[in-house]
Amino acid sequence: GYQQGIVDCTRSPQALQEQIFRSVLASVGVSDWKQVQVLGEQDISYVSRTPHHQVAAVGDRIISSARTLVQEELDNAMQNVQRKLPVDILPEDAMKYIKADKKVEFWFNAAQRLLGEVNSTNILVDLMVSDDAGKPDVTTTARLTGTKLKKSSLA
């Protein structure tokens, strides 16, 4: 069980990730892999009207905005700690206090996670899903971090 999972992940992390992805897609009702479109950075277009270009552009914009927000919050948290420290403290001693702060740690970890988003892949999945009002909404989007999936590997 657990040991075999570790061995499988070590041997081929990409294969394990694709297997998990297939399971997730099957659990939300994907019955035909033609419902799945893998979108890369080359698909980002702010002027195209095709759904997959629009999804890639929106995903890119969300991640970019998240990076900006997280960096601002990290800077603010660090400044708040710095303000509480004595003025004559040595920079290396100040960094010890800054790194130990829980808010700084939270925002630093968030920034580290977003660094993986540079190589992310958008996945466009066409599903018949109802919104809160019961109206059908045909497109669901997922964003995978640091993944290089190919449509052929999902078929």
Protein backbone atom coordinates (compact mmCIF):
# COMPACT_ATOMS: atom_id res chain seq x y z
CA GLY A 1 0.00 0.00 0.00
CA TYR A 2 1.83 3.03 1.35
CA GLN A 3 5.34 1.73 0.60
CA GLN A 4 4.33 0.81 -2.96
CA GLY A 5 2.93 4.34 -3.44
CA ILE A 6 6.26 5.84 -2.38
CA VAL A 7 8.14 3.54 -4.77
CA ASP A 8 5.75 4.37 -7.64
CA CYS A 9 6.03 8.11 -6.99
CA THR A 10 9.82 7.92 -6.87
CA ARG A 11 10.03 5.94 -10.09
CA SER A 12 7.63 8.08 -12.08
CA PRO A 13 6.10 11.12 -10.39
CA GLN A 14 4.58 12.24 -13.71
CA ALA A 15 2.77 8.92 -14.20
CA LEU A 16 1.39 9.02 -10.66
CA GLN A 17 0.25 12.62 -11.12
CA GLU A 18 -1.52 11.72 -14.36
CA GLN A 19 -3.19 8.72 -12.69
CA ILE A 20 -4.50 10.96 -9.90
CA PHE A 21 -5.64 13.52 -12.47
CA ARG A 22 -7.54 10.85 -14.40
CA SER A 23 -9.24 9.73 -11.17
CA VAL A 24 -10.27 13.28 -10.33
CA LEU A 25 -11.67 13.85 -13.81
CA ALA A 26 -13.57 10.55 -13.72
CA SER A 27 -15.03 11.48 -10.33
CA VAL A 28 -16.52 14.70 -11.75
CA GLY A 29 -18.11 12.96 -14.71
CA VAL A 30 -15.59 13.03 -17.53
CA SER A 31 -16.51 10.06 -19.67
CA ASP A 32 -14.80 11.06 -22.91
CA TRP A 33 -11.28 12.49 -22.97
CA LYS A 34 -12.38 14.77 -25.84
CA GLN A 35 -13.95 16.86 -23.05
CA VAL A 36 -10.45 17.71 -21.81
CA GLN A 37 -8.22 20.35 -23.39
CA VAL A 38 -4.71 20.95 -22.07
CA LEU A 39 -3.68 24.58 -22.43
CA GLY A 40 -0.13 25.88 -22.16
CA GLU A 41 1.49 29.28 -22.13
CA GLN A 42 1.27 29.44 -25.93
CA ASP A 43 -2.54 29.37 -25.59
CA ILE A 44 -2.75 32.60 -23.57
CA SER A 45 -4.55 35.20 -25.64
CA TYR A 46 -6.38 38.26 -24.36
CA VAL A 47 -7.94 38.99 -27.76
CA SER A 48 -9.13 35.56 -28.92
CA ARG A 49 -12.79 34.60 -28.51
CA THR A 50 -12.17 30.86 -28.30
CA PRO A 51 -12.96 29.42 -24.86
CA HIS A 52 -9.60 27.76 -24.38
CA HIS A 53 -7.68 30.98 -25.08
CA GLN A 54 -9.97 32.91 -22.75
CA VAL A 55 -9.52 30.32 -19.99
CA ALA A 56 -5.74 30.46 -20.36
CA ALA A 57 -5.79 34.28 -20.26
CA VAL A 58 -8.02 34.41 -17.17
CA GLY A 59 -5.93 31.78 -15.39
CA ASP A 60 -2.77 33.75 -16.17
CA ARG A 61 -4.34 36.97 -14.90
CA ILE A 62 -5.51 35.30 -11.65
CA ILE A 63 -2.06 33.91 -10.90
CA SER A 64 -0.41 37.24 -11.71
CA SER A 65 -2.80 39.07 -9.37
CA ALA A 66 -2.23 36.48 -6.66
CA ARG A 67 1.54 36.95 -6.92
CA THR A 68 1.13 40.71 -6.52
CA LEU A 69 -1.18 40.37 -3.52
CA VAL A 70 1.04 37.82 -1.77
CA GLN A 71 4.17 39.94 -2.29
CA GLU A 72 2.41 43.01 -0.88
CA GLU A 73 1.17 41.05 2.16
CA LEU A 74 4.63 39.58 2.75
CA ASP A 75 6.22 43.04 2.56
CA ASN A 76 3.62 44.43 4.99
CA ALA A 77 4.10 41.59 7.46
CA MET A 78 7.88 42.06 7.39
CA GLN A 79 7.55 45.81 7.87
CA ASN A 80 5.18 45.30 10.83
CA VAL A 81 7.75 43.11 12.57
CA GLN A 82 10.56 45.54 11.69
CA ARG A 83 8.63 48.45 13.27
CA LYS A 84 8.42 46.60 16.60
CA LEU A 85 12.18 45.99 16.75
CA PRO A 86 14.71 48.37 18.31
CA VAL A 87 16.18 50.83 15.85
CA ASP A 88 19.77 49.81 16.60
CA ILE A 89 19.28 46.07 16.01
CA LEU A 90 21.70 44.40 13.61
CA PRO A 91 20.16 43.38 10.26
CA GLU A 92 20.97 39.66 10.77
CA ASP A 93 19.32 39.75 14.23
CA ALA A 94 16.30 41.53 12.78
CA MET A 95 15.95 38.79 10.15
CA LYS A 96 15.74 36.15 12.91
CA TYR A 97 12.72 37.94 14.40
CA ILE A 98 11.17 38.56 11.01
CA LYS A 99 11.52 34.90 9.94
CA ALA A 100 10.04 33.70 13.26
CA ASP A 101 6.85 35.76 12.82
CA LYS A 102 3.79 33.63 11.98
CA LYS A 103 2.31 36.10 9.46
CA VAL A 104 5.64 36.44 7.68
CA GLU A 105 5.94 32.65 7.58
CA PHE A 106 2.40 32.32 6.19
CA TRP A 107 2.94 34.83 3.39
CA PHE A 108 6.45 33.54 2.65
CA ASN A 109 5.05 30.01 2.20
CA ALA A 110 2.27 31.38 -0.04
CA ALA A 111 4.90 33.13 -2.18
CA GLN A 112 6.89 29.90 -2.45
CA ARG A 113 3.80 28.00 -3.63
CA LEU A 114 3.07 30.65 -6.26
CA LEU A 115 6.57 30.33 -7.70
CA GLY A 116 5.49 26.92 -9.01
CA GLU A 117 2.69 28.60 -10.96
CA VAL A 118 5.21 29.88 -13.53
CA ASN A 119 5.07 26.53 -15.35
CA SER A 120 1.42 25.77 -14.72
CA THR A 121 -0.97 24.22 -17.18
CA ASN A 122 -4.62 25.14 -17.66
CA ILE A 123 -7.03 22.28 -18.11
CA LEU A 124 -10.36 23.06 -19.76
CA VAL A 125 -13.03 20.45 -19.02
CA ASP A 126 -16.43 20.60 -20.72
CA LEU A 127 -19.04 19.32 -18.26
CA MET A 128 -22.74 19.80 -17.77
CA VAL A 129 -22.78 21.34 -14.30
CA SER A 130 -25.63 23.35 -12.81
CA ASP A 131 -25.00 26.68 -11.17
CA ASP A 132 -26.69 27.79 -7.91
CA ALA A 133 -29.82 28.78 -9.83
CA GLY A 134 -30.03 25.39 -11.56
CA LYS A 135 -28.96 26.73 -14.97
CA PRO A 136 -26.51 24.53 -16.89
CA ASP A 137 -22.93 25.77 -16.94
CA VAL A 138 -20.95 23.80 -19.51
CA THR A 139 -17.35 24.72 -18.79
CA THR A 140 -15.30 23.97 -15.73
CA THR A 141 -11.66 24.93 -15.46
CA ALA A 142 -8.83 23.55 -13.38
CA ARG A 143 -5.28 24.82 -13.06
CA LEU A 144 -2.46 22.43 -12.33
CA THR A 145 0.74 23.71 -10.83
CA GLY A 146 4.11 22.86 -12.28
CA THR A 147 2.64 20.20 -14.51
CA LYS A 148 3.47 19.45 -18.11
CA LEU A 149 0.52 17.29 -19.15
CA LYS A 150 -0.09 16.35 -22.76
CA LYS A 151 -3.51 15.49 -24.10
CA SER A 152 -2.13 12.28 -25.57
CA SER A 153 -1.17 11.12 -22.08
CA LEU A 154 -4.78 11.50 -20.95
CA ALA A 155 -6.39 9.55 -23.76
